[in-house]
Amino acid sequence: MTRYCAFFGSINVGGNRLSMADLRYAFEREEFANVETVVASGNVLFDYDDRPTQGLEELFAHMMADRFDIESFVAVRTKDEVRTAIDENPFADKGEDKRVHTHFLEGQPTKAQFEKLVADHEERGDEEKLALGRRCLFVDYVGGVARTRLTGDYITRRLKHRHTARNINSLRRILDKM
């Protein structure tokens, strides 16, 4: 069995309220093993046969829409991929852990898409720092997430991939529980 984390976007924000107990129960009904939630923002740990994560992402997105009437992007990563999302984040040991984020992407942006994001961002004179990883975007929200203009929609429009983000504090907590 492989240990995974499903990172749900848009859970317990913007009116999409869902108890973690209900989310755990939905996973257990689908016969996933060792189901556990971490933080109330839609992080679900589970064990399952080793398989490509894309199929799991589609299954969970369908489950959210069908059972809870919530449209949600879901990124599924193995324990090794979560560790890599921390280790390869170039801002992890330089910025404040609560301001340094990994955006888990539904696919790998092209170099041109990433360069467009960076160029547009720099043109606005914003202070966030950006780096591209494997199916993830690393961001240091230097001035804080609450005051940034580097919004999820802004990122999605330029990279052409949906995403959900977690800060380094949350990722370390999740990895410790995996």
N, C-alpha and C. Protein backbone atom coordinates (compact mmCIF):
# COMPACT_ATOMS: atom_id res chain seq x y z
N MET A 1 0.84 -1.18 0.00
CA MET A 1 0.00 0.00 0.00
C MET A 1 0.89 1.25 0.00
N THR A 2 0.42 2.25 -0.69
CA THR A 2 1.13 3.53 -0.78
C THR A 2 0.38 4.55 0.07
N ARG A 3 1.13 5.42 0.73
CA ARG A 3 0.52 6.50 1.54
C ARG A 3 0.41 7.74 0.66
N TYR A 4 -0.79 8.32 0.65
CA TYR A 4 -1.09 9.49 -0.17
C TYR A 4 -1.66 10.60 0.70
N CYS A 5 -1.62 11.81 0.13
CA CYS A 5 -2.38 12.93 0.68
C CYS A 5 -3.19 13.52 -0.45
N ALA A 6 -4.47 13.70 -0.21
CA ALA A 6 -5.34 14.41 -1.15
C ALA A 6 -5.49 15.83 -0.61
N PHE A 7 -5.08 16.80 -1.42
CA PHE A 7 -5.18 18.21 -1.07
C PHE A 7 -6.40 18.77 -1.82
N PHE A 8 -7.45 19.06 -1.10
CA PHE A 8 -8.67 19.59 -1.70
C PHE A 8 -8.61 21.11 -1.73
N GLY A 9 -8.96 21.68 -2.86
CA GLY A 9 -9.08 23.13 -2.96
C GLY A 9 -10.50 23.56 -2.65
N SER A 10 -10.65 24.76 -2.15
CA SER A 10 -11.97 25.37 -1.93
C SER A 10 -12.80 24.66 -0.87
N ILE A 11 -12.17 24.09 0.12
CA ILE A 11 -12.90 23.46 1.23
C ILE A 11 -12.83 24.40 2.44
N ASN A 12 -14.00 24.65 3.02
CA ASN A 12 -14.17 25.53 4.17
C ASN A 12 -13.70 26.96 3.90
N VAL A 13 -13.84 27.36 2.64
CA VAL A 13 -13.65 28.76 2.24
C VAL A 13 -14.73 29.08 1.21
N GLY A 14 -15.11 30.33 1.12
CA GLY A 14 -16.06 30.75 0.10
C GLY A 14 -17.40 30.04 0.16
N GLY A 15 -17.84 29.66 1.33
CA GLY A 15 -19.15 29.03 1.48
C GLY A 15 -19.16 27.52 1.32
N ASN A 16 -18.06 26.90 0.95
CA ASN A 16 -17.99 25.44 0.80
C ASN A 16 -17.64 24.81 2.15
N ARG A 17 -18.62 24.70 3.01
CA ARG A 17 -18.41 24.15 4.34
C ARG A 17 -18.58 22.63 4.31
N LEU A 18 -17.61 21.94 4.91
CA LEU A 18 -17.65 20.49 4.96
C LEU A 18 -16.88 20.04 6.20
N SER A 19 -17.51 19.21 7.00
CA SER A 19 -16.82 18.71 8.18
C SER A 19 -15.79 17.66 7.76
N MET A 20 -14.69 17.63 8.46
CA MET A 20 -13.65 16.65 8.15
C MET A 20 -14.14 15.24 8.48
N ALA A 21 -15.06 15.10 9.43
CA ALA A 21 -15.64 13.79 9.73
C ALA A 21 -16.42 13.27 8.53
N ASP A 22 -17.19 14.14 7.87
CA ASP A 22 -17.93 13.73 6.68
C ASP A 22 -16.99 13.37 5.54
N LEU A 23 -15.92 14.13 5.39
CA LEU A 23 -14.94 13.85 4.34
C LEU A 23 -14.25 12.50 4.59
N ARG A 24 -13.85 12.27 5.85
CA ARG A 24 -13.24 10.96 6.21
C ARG A 24 -14.20 9.82 5.90
N TYR A 25 -15.46 9.98 6.27
CA TYR A 25 -16.45 8.94 6.05
C TYR A 25 -16.60 8.64 4.55
N ALA A 26 -16.58 9.66 3.72
CA ALA A 26 -16.68 9.46 2.27
C ALA A 26 -15.51 8.62 1.76
N PHE A 27 -14.32 8.88 2.27
CA PHE A 27 -13.14 8.09 1.88
C PHE A 27 -13.28 6.64 2.36
N GLU A 28 -13.73 6.48 3.58
CA GLU A 28 -13.88 5.14 4.13
C GLU A 28 -14.93 4.34 3.36
N ARG A 29 -16.00 4.99 2.92
CA ARG A 29 -17.03 4.30 2.12
C ARG A 29 -16.47 3.83 0.78
N GLU A 30 -15.46 4.52 0.28
CA GLU A 30 -14.80 4.13 -0.98
C GLU A 30 -13.71 3.08 -0.73
N GLU A 31 -13.60 2.63 0.53
CA GLU A 31 -12.68 1.57 0.93
C GLU A 31 -11.21 1.94 0.89
N PHE A 32 -10.92 3.22 1.16
CA PHE A 32 -9.54 3.63 1.36
C PHE A 32 -9.17 3.32 2.80
N ALA A 33 -7.90 2.97 3.04
CA ALA A 33 -7.47 2.53 4.36
C ALA A 33 -6.74 3.64 5.11
N ASN A 34 -6.75 3.55 6.44
CA ASN A 34 -6.02 4.46 7.33
C ASN A 34 -6.29 5.92 6.99
N VAL A 35 -7.56 6.26 6.87
CA VAL A 35 -7.97 7.62 6.49
C VAL A 35 -7.84 8.54 7.70
N GLU A 36 -7.23 9.69 7.45
CA GLU A 36 -7.02 10.68 8.51
C GLU A 36 -7.02 12.07 7.86
N THR A 37 -7.65 13.04 8.53
CA THR A 37 -7.60 14.41 8.03
C THR A 37 -6.60 15.20 8.86
N VAL A 38 -5.99 16.18 8.22
CA VAL A 38 -5.01 17.04 8.88
C VAL A 38 -5.41 18.48 8.59
N VAL A 39 -5.70 19.24 9.62
CA VAL A 39 -6.16 20.62 9.52
C VAL A 39 -7.53 20.61 8.82
N ALA A 40 -8.36 21.56 9.09
CA ALA A 40 -9.74 21.56 8.60
C ALA A 40 -9.89 22.18 7.22
N SER A 41 -8.83 22.16 6.42
CA SER A 41 -8.91 22.78 5.10
C SER A 41 -8.85 21.77 3.97
N GLY A 42 -9.13 20.52 4.26
CA GLY A 42 -9.23 19.53 3.19
C GLY A 42 -7.95 18.82 2.83
N ASN A 43 -7.26 18.31 3.82
CA ASN A 43 -6.07 17.48 3.61
C ASN A 43 -6.40 16.09 4.14
N VAL A 44 -6.43 15.09 3.26
CA VAL A 44 -6.83 13.75 3.67
C VAL A 44 -5.69 12.78 3.38
N LEU A 45 -5.23 12.12 4.42
CA LEU A 45 -4.21 11.08 4.29
C LEU A 45 -4.91 9.74 4.16
N PHE A 46 -4.37 8.87 3.32
CA PHE A 46 -4.98 7.56 3.14
C PHE A 46 -3.96 6.61 2.51
N ASP A 47 -4.23 5.31 2.66
CA ASP A 47 -3.43 4.27 2.03
C ASP A 47 -4.26 3.65 0.91
N TYR A 48 -3.56 3.31 -0.18
CA TYR A 48 -4.24 2.70 -1.32
C TYR A 48 -3.18 2.02 -2.18
N ASP A 49 -3.63 1.14 -3.05
CA ASP A 49 -2.70 0.49 -3.96
C ASP A 49 -1.94 1.54 -4.77
N ASP A 50 -0.72 1.23 -5.10
CA ASP A 50 0.10 2.15 -5.90
C ASP A 50 -0.54 2.31 -7.27
N ARG A 51 -0.81 3.55 -7.63
CA ARG A 51 -1.42 3.83 -8.93
C ARG A 51 -1.18 5.28 -9.30
N PRO A 52 -1.36 5.64 -10.56
CA PRO A 52 -1.19 7.05 -10.97
C PRO A 52 -2.16 7.95 -10.22
N THR A 53 -1.65 9.08 -9.76
CA THR A 53 -2.47 9.96 -8.94
C THR A 53 -3.58 10.66 -9.72
N GLN A 54 -3.42 10.80 -11.03
CA GLN A 54 -4.43 11.51 -11.82
C GLN A 54 -5.80 10.84 -11.71
N GLY A 55 -5.84 9.52 -11.75
CA GLY A 55 -7.11 8.82 -11.62
C GLY A 55 -7.75 9.05 -10.26
N LEU A 56 -6.93 9.10 -9.22
CA LEU A 56 -7.45 9.38 -7.87
C LEU A 56 -8.00 10.80 -7.80
N GLU A 57 -7.32 11.75 -8.43
CA GLU A 57 -7.78 13.14 -8.42
C GLU A 57 -9.16 13.25 -9.06
N GLU A 58 -9.35 12.56 -10.17
CA GLU A 58 -10.65 12.58 -10.85
C GLU A 58 -11.73 11.92 -9.99
N LEU A 59 -11.39 10.81 -9.35
CA LEU A 59 -12.35 10.12 -8.48
C LEU A 59 -12.80 11.03 -7.34
N PHE A 60 -11.85 11.69 -6.69
CA PHE A 60 -12.20 12.53 -5.54
C PHE A 60 -12.97 13.78 -5.95
N ALA A 61 -12.63 14.36 -7.10
CA ALA A 61 -13.38 15.52 -7.58
C ALA A 61 -14.83 15.12 -7.86
N HIS A 62 -15.02 13.94 -8.46
CA HIS A 62 -16.37 13.44 -8.71
C HIS A 62 -17.09 13.18 -7.38
N MET A 63 -16.39 12.58 -6.42
CA MET A 63 -16.98 12.29 -5.12
C MET A 63 -17.46 13.58 -4.44
N MET A 64 -16.67 14.64 -4.52
CA MET A 64 -17.04 15.91 -3.90
C MET A 64 -18.30 16.49 -4.55
N ALA A 65 -18.35 16.43 -5.87
CA ALA A 65 -19.51 16.98 -6.58
C ALA A 65 -20.75 16.13 -6.31
N ASP A 66 -20.60 14.81 -6.35
CA ASP A 66 -21.72 13.90 -6.21
C ASP A 66 -22.27 13.87 -4.78
N ARG A 67 -21.39 13.76 -3.80
CA ARG A 67 -21.86 13.58 -2.42
C ARG A 67 -22.09 14.88 -1.66
N PHE A 68 -21.32 15.92 -2.01
CA PHE A 68 -21.37 17.15 -1.22
C PHE A 68 -21.77 18.38 -2.03
N ASP A 69 -22.00 18.20 -3.33
CA ASP A 69 -22.35 19.31 -4.22
C ASP A 69 -21.31 20.44 -4.14
N ILE A 70 -20.04 20.05 -4.10
CA ILE A 70 -18.93 21.00 -4.06
C ILE A 70 -18.01 20.72 -5.24
N GLU A 71 -17.81 21.72 -6.07
CA GLU A 71 -16.83 21.62 -7.16
C GLU A 71 -15.47 21.94 -6.56
N SER A 72 -14.54 21.00 -6.65
CA SER A 72 -13.24 21.18 -6.01
C SER A 72 -12.14 20.57 -6.86
N PHE A 73 -11.06 21.31 -6.99
CA PHE A 73 -9.86 20.73 -7.57
C PHE A 73 -9.19 19.90 -6.48
N VAL A 74 -8.69 18.74 -6.83
CA VAL A 74 -8.03 17.86 -5.88
C VAL A 74 -6.66 17.48 -6.44
N ALA A 75 -5.62 17.72 -5.65
CA ALA A 75 -4.28 17.28 -6.01
C ALA A 75 -3.91 16.13 -5.09
N VAL A 76 -3.49 15.02 -5.66
CA VAL A 76 -3.10 13.85 -4.86
C VAL A 76 -1.60 13.67 -5.03
N ARG A 77 -0.90 13.51 -3.90
CA ARG A 77 0.54 13.32 -3.93
C ARG A 77 0.92 12.21 -2.96
N THR A 78 1.96 11.48 -3.33
CA THR A 78 2.50 10.44 -2.44
C THR A 78 3.32 11.11 -1.34
N LYS A 79 3.69 10.31 -0.37
CA LYS A 79 4.52 10.82 0.71
C LYS A 79 5.83 11.39 0.16
N ASP A 80 6.45 10.68 -0.78
CA ASP A 80 7.70 11.18 -1.37
C ASP A 80 7.49 12.49 -2.11
N GLU A 81 6.36 12.63 -2.79
CA GLU A 81 6.08 13.87 -3.51
C GLU A 81 5.83 15.03 -2.55
N VAL A 82 5.23 14.78 -1.40
CA VAL A 82 5.04 15.84 -0.40
C VAL A 82 6.41 16.25 0.15
N ARG A 83 7.25 15.28 0.43
CA ARG A 83 8.60 15.58 0.92
C ARG A 83 9.36 16.43 -0.12
N THR A 84 9.25 16.05 -1.38
CA THR A 84 9.90 16.80 -2.46
C THR A 84 9.36 18.22 -2.55
N ALA A 85 8.06 18.40 -2.35
CA ALA A 85 7.45 19.74 -2.40
C ALA A 85 8.00 20.65 -1.32
N ILE A 86 8.49 20.08 -0.25
CA ILE A 86 9.14 20.86 0.81
C ILE A 86 10.61 21.04 0.48
N ASP A 87 11.29 19.93 0.19
CA ASP A 87 12.74 19.96 -0.03
C ASP A 87 13.15 20.79 -1.24
N GLU A 88 12.33 20.80 -2.29
CA GLU A 88 12.70 21.53 -3.51
C GLU A 88 12.18 22.96 -3.54
N ASN A 89 11.45 23.35 -2.52
CA ASN A 89 10.96 24.73 -2.46
C ASN A 89 12.14 25.62 -2.09
N PRO A 90 12.59 26.48 -3.01
CA PRO A 90 13.80 27.28 -2.77
C PRO A 90 13.62 28.35 -1.70
N PHE A 91 12.38 28.59 -1.28
CA PHE A 91 12.11 29.63 -0.29
C PHE A 91 11.88 29.05 1.11
N ALA A 92 11.85 27.72 1.22
CA ALA A 92 11.47 27.06 2.46
C ALA A 92 12.34 27.42 3.65
N ASP A 93 13.60 27.58 3.45
CA ASP A 93 14.48 27.89 4.58
C ASP A 93 14.88 29.37 4.61
N LYS A 94 14.29 30.16 3.72
CA LYS A 94 14.65 31.58 3.64
C LYS A 94 13.53 32.49 4.09
N GLY A 95 12.29 32.16 3.75
CA GLY A 95 11.16 32.99 4.11
C GLY A 95 10.46 32.47 5.35
N GLU A 96 9.42 33.18 5.77
CA GLU A 96 8.62 32.75 6.91
C GLU A 96 7.76 31.56 6.50
N ASP A 97 7.78 30.51 7.30
CA ASP A 97 7.07 29.28 6.94
C ASP A 97 5.59 29.49 6.62
N LYS A 98 4.95 30.43 7.31
CA LYS A 98 3.52 30.66 7.04
C LYS A 98 3.30 31.44 5.75
N ARG A 99 4.35 32.05 5.20
CA ARG A 99 4.23 32.83 3.97
C ARG A 99 4.79 32.10 2.75
N VAL A 100 5.52 31.04 2.97
CA VAL A 100 6.09 30.26 1.86
C VAL A 100 5.13 29.12 1.54
N HIS A 101 4.68 29.09 0.29
CA HIS A 101 3.66 28.13 -0.14
C HIS A 101 4.13 27.26 -1.30
N THR A 102 3.53 26.09 -1.37
CA THR A 102 3.63 25.24 -2.54
C THR A 102 2.23 25.14 -3.11
N HIS A 103 2.09 25.52 -4.38
CA HIS A 103 0.83 25.38 -5.10
C HIS A 103 0.92 24.07 -5.88
N PHE A 104 0.09 23.09 -5.52
CA PHE A 104 0.06 21.82 -6.23
C PHE A 104 -0.79 22.01 -7.49
N LEU A 105 -0.19 21.75 -8.64
CA LEU A 105 -0.82 21.99 -9.93
C LEU A 105 -1.39 20.71 -10.53
N GLU A 106 -2.41 20.85 -11.37
CA GLU A 106 -3.01 19.68 -12.01
C GLU A 106 -2.14 19.13 -13.12
N GLY A 107 -1.17 19.87 -13.57
CA GLY A 107 -0.26 19.41 -14.62
C GLY A 107 1.01 20.25 -14.58
N GLN A 108 1.88 20.01 -15.53
CA GLN A 108 3.15 20.73 -15.59
C GLN A 108 3.04 21.87 -16.59
N PRO A 109 3.15 23.12 -16.12
CA PRO A 109 3.14 24.25 -17.05
C PRO A 109 4.36 24.22 -17.97
N THR A 110 4.20 24.82 -19.13
CA THR A 110 5.33 24.97 -20.03
C THR A 110 6.24 26.08 -19.50
N LYS A 111 7.43 26.11 -20.02
CA LYS A 111 8.37 27.17 -19.66
C LYS A 111 7.78 28.53 -20.04
N ALA A 112 7.13 28.60 -21.20
CA ALA A 112 6.53 29.86 -21.66
C ALA A 112 5.41 30.33 -20.73
N GLN A 113 4.60 29.40 -20.24
CA GLN A 113 3.52 29.77 -19.31
C GLN A 113 4.11 30.33 -18.02
N PHE A 114 5.12 29.66 -17.50
CA PHE A 114 5.74 30.15 -16.27
C PHE A 114 6.40 31.51 -16.50
N GLU A 115 7.10 31.67 -17.60
CA GLU A 115 7.76 32.94 -17.89
C GLU A 115 6.74 34.08 -18.03
N LYS A 116 5.56 33.77 -18.58
CA LYS A 116 4.49 34.78 -18.68
C LYS A 116 4.02 35.18 -17.30
N LEU A 117 3.82 34.21 -16.44
CA LEU A 117 3.41 34.52 -15.06
C LEU A 117 4.44 35.43 -14.39
N VAL A 118 5.70 35.07 -14.49
CA VAL A 118 6.76 35.86 -13.85
C VAL A 118 6.82 37.26 -14.45
N ALA A 119 6.79 37.37 -15.78
CA ALA A 119 6.88 38.67 -16.44
C ALA A 119 5.70 39.57 -16.06
N ASP A 120 4.49 39.02 -16.10
CA ASP A 120 3.31 39.80 -15.73
C ASP A 120 3.38 40.23 -14.28
N HIS A 121 3.83 39.34 -13.45
CA HIS A 121 3.95 39.62 -12.01
C HIS A 121 4.99 40.72 -11.77
N GLU A 122 6.14 40.60 -12.39
CA GLU A 122 7.20 41.61 -12.21
C GLU A 122 6.76 42.96 -12.76
N GLU A 123 6.01 42.96 -13.86
CA GLU A 123 5.53 44.20 -14.46
C GLU A 123 4.65 44.99 -13.49
N ARG A 124 3.92 44.28 -12.64
CA ARG A 124 3.07 44.94 -11.65
C ARG A 124 3.88 45.45 -10.46
N GLY A 125 5.13 45.04 -10.35
CA GLY A 125 5.98 45.50 -9.25
C GLY A 125 5.69 44.83 -7.92
N ASP A 126 5.08 43.66 -7.96
CA ASP A 126 4.77 42.95 -6.71
C ASP A 126 6.02 42.27 -6.16
N GLU A 127 6.01 42.00 -4.86
CA GLU A 127 7.22 41.54 -4.19
C GLU A 127 7.35 40.02 -4.03
N GLU A 128 6.32 39.25 -4.35
CA GLU A 128 6.40 37.81 -4.19
C GLU A 128 7.50 37.22 -5.05
N LYS A 129 8.06 36.13 -4.56
CA LYS A 129 9.10 35.40 -5.30
C LYS A 129 8.49 34.11 -5.81
N LEU A 130 8.83 33.73 -7.05
CA LEU A 130 8.23 32.57 -7.70
C LEU A 130 9.29 31.62 -8.22
N ALA A 131 9.00 30.33 -8.16
CA ALA A 131 9.86 29.30 -8.76
C ALA A 131 8.97 28.14 -9.17
N LEU A 132 9.36 27.48 -10.24
CA LEU A 132 8.57 26.36 -10.75
C LEU A 132 9.20 25.05 -10.35
N GLY A 133 8.38 24.11 -9.91
CA GLY A 133 8.82 22.76 -9.59
C GLY A 133 8.11 21.76 -10.48
N ARG A 134 8.14 20.49 -10.07
CA ARG A 134 7.45 19.43 -10.80
C ARG A 134 5.99 19.38 -10.37
N ARG A 135 5.12 19.79 -11.26
CA ARG A 135 3.69 19.89 -10.98
C ARG A 135 3.40 20.75 -9.76
N CYS A 136 4.25 21.75 -9.52
CA CYS A 136 3.99 22.68 -8.44
C CYS A 136 4.65 24.03 -8.70
N LEU A 137 4.09 25.04 -8.08
CA LEU A 137 4.62 26.39 -8.11
C LEU A 137 4.98 26.77 -6.69
N PHE A 138 6.19 27.26 -6.51
CA PHE A 138 6.64 27.70 -5.19
C PHE A 138 6.52 29.22 -5.13
N VAL A 139 5.93 29.72 -4.04
CA VAL A 139 5.75 31.16 -3.87
C VAL A 139 6.12 31.56 -2.46
N ASP A 140 6.91 32.63 -2.37
CA ASP A 140 7.16 33.28 -1.09
C ASP A 140 6.33 34.55 -1.09
N TYR A 141 5.24 34.54 -0.33
CA TYR A 141 4.38 35.70 -0.19
C TYR A 141 5.01 36.63 0.84
N VAL A 142 6.03 37.33 0.44
CA VAL A 142 6.87 38.13 1.32
C VAL A 142 6.04 39.06 2.21
N GLY A 143 5.07 39.74 1.64
CA GLY A 143 4.25 40.68 2.40
C GLY A 143 3.02 40.06 3.04
N GLY A 144 2.83 38.77 2.86
CA GLY A 144 1.68 38.08 3.43
C GLY A 144 0.64 37.75 2.38
N VAL A 145 -0.04 36.65 2.59
CA VAL A 145 -1.03 36.16 1.64
C VAL A 145 -2.25 37.08 1.59
N ALA A 146 -2.60 37.67 2.70
CA ALA A 146 -3.81 38.49 2.76
C ALA A 146 -3.72 39.74 1.89
N ARG A 147 -2.52 40.27 1.67
CA ARG A 147 -2.41 41.49 0.88
C ARG A 147 -1.88 41.29 -0.53
N THR A 148 -1.72 40.08 -0.95
CA THR A 148 -1.14 39.83 -2.27
C THR A 148 -2.14 40.08 -3.40
N ARG A 149 -1.61 40.45 -4.55
CA ARG A 149 -2.41 40.51 -5.77
C ARG A 149 -2.17 39.26 -6.61
N LEU A 150 -1.29 38.39 -6.14
CA LEU A 150 -0.98 37.13 -6.82
C LEU A 150 -2.02 36.09 -6.36
N THR A 151 -3.22 36.23 -6.89
CA THR A 151 -4.34 35.40 -6.47
C THR A 151 -4.35 34.06 -7.21
N GLY A 152 -5.17 33.17 -6.72
CA GLY A 152 -5.32 31.88 -7.38
C GLY A 152 -5.80 32.00 -8.81
N ASP A 153 -6.78 32.87 -9.05
CA ASP A 153 -7.27 33.08 -10.42
C ASP A 153 -6.19 33.64 -11.33
N TYR A 154 -5.40 34.55 -10.81
CA TYR A 154 -4.31 35.16 -11.59
C TYR A 154 -3.31 34.08 -12.02
N ILE A 155 -2.96 33.21 -11.08
CA ILE A 155 -2.02 32.12 -11.36
C ILE A 155 -2.63 31.15 -12.38
N THR A 156 -3.87 30.75 -12.17
CA THR A 156 -4.53 29.80 -13.05
C THR A 156 -4.61 30.32 -14.49
N ARG A 157 -4.96 31.59 -14.65
CA ARG A 157 -5.09 32.15 -16.01
C ARG A 157 -3.76 32.11 -16.75
N ARG A 158 -2.65 32.29 -16.06
CA ARG A 158 -1.36 32.33 -16.74
C ARG A 158 -0.74 30.95 -16.92
N LEU A 159 -0.89 30.08 -15.94
CA LEU A 159 -0.29 28.75 -16.04
C LEU A 159 -1.20 27.75 -16.75
N LYS A 160 -2.49 28.08 -16.85
CA LYS A 160 -3.47 27.20 -17.52
C LYS A 160 -3.64 25.87 -16.79
N HIS A 161 -3.42 25.92 -15.47
CA HIS A 161 -3.61 24.73 -14.63
C HIS A 161 -4.26 25.16 -13.32
N ARG A 162 -5.25 24.38 -12.89
CA ARG A 162 -5.84 24.62 -11.58
C ARG A 162 -4.83 24.21 -10.52
N HIS A 163 -5.06 24.65 -9.28
CA HIS A 163 -4.10 24.37 -8.21
C HIS A 163 -4.74 24.58 -6.85
N THR A 164 -4.07 24.09 -5.86
CA THR A 164 -4.41 24.37 -4.47
C THR A 164 -3.10 24.49 -3.71
N ALA A 165 -3.05 25.41 -2.76
CA ALA A 165 -1.79 25.74 -2.09
C ALA A 165 -1.82 25.40 -0.60
N ARG A 166 -0.63 25.07 -0.10
CA ARG A 166 -0.43 24.87 1.34
C ARG A 166 0.89 25.54 1.73
N ASN A 167 0.92 26.10 2.94
CA ASN A 167 2.17 26.70 3.38
C ASN A 167 3.10 25.63 3.95
N ILE A 168 4.35 26.01 4.14
CA ILE A 168 5.37 25.05 4.60
C ILE A 168 5.02 24.48 5.96
N ASN A 169 4.45 25.30 6.86
CA ASN A 169 4.03 24.77 8.17
C ASN A 169 3.07 23.59 7.99
N SER A 170 2.05 23.79 7.17
CA SER A 170 1.05 22.73 6.94
C SER A 170 1.68 21.51 6.29
N LEU A 171 2.54 21.73 5.29
CA LEU A 171 3.16 20.60 4.60
C LEU A 171 4.03 19.78 5.54
N ARG A 172 4.76 20.44 6.40
CA ARG A 172 5.60 19.70 7.36
C ARG A 172 4.72 18.90 8.34
N ARG A 173 3.65 19.50 8.75
CA ARG A 173 2.72 18.79 9.66
C ARG A 173 2.12 17.57 8.96
N ILE A 174 1.72 17.75 7.71
CA ILE A 174 1.15 16.64 6.93
C ILE A 174 2.20 15.53 6.74
N LEU A 175 3.41 15.91 6.37
CA LEU A 175 4.46 14.92 6.16
C LEU A 175 4.75 14.15 7.45
N ASP A 176 4.78 14.83 8.58
CA ASP A 176 5.02 14.15 9.87
C ASP A 176 3.95 13.09 10.15
N LYS A 177 2.72 13.34 9.72
CA LYS A 177 1.62 12.38 9.96
C LYS A 177 1.58 11.27 8.93
N MET A 178 2.25 11.49 7.79
CA MET A 178 2.24 10.47 6.75
C MET A 178 3.12 9.30 7.16
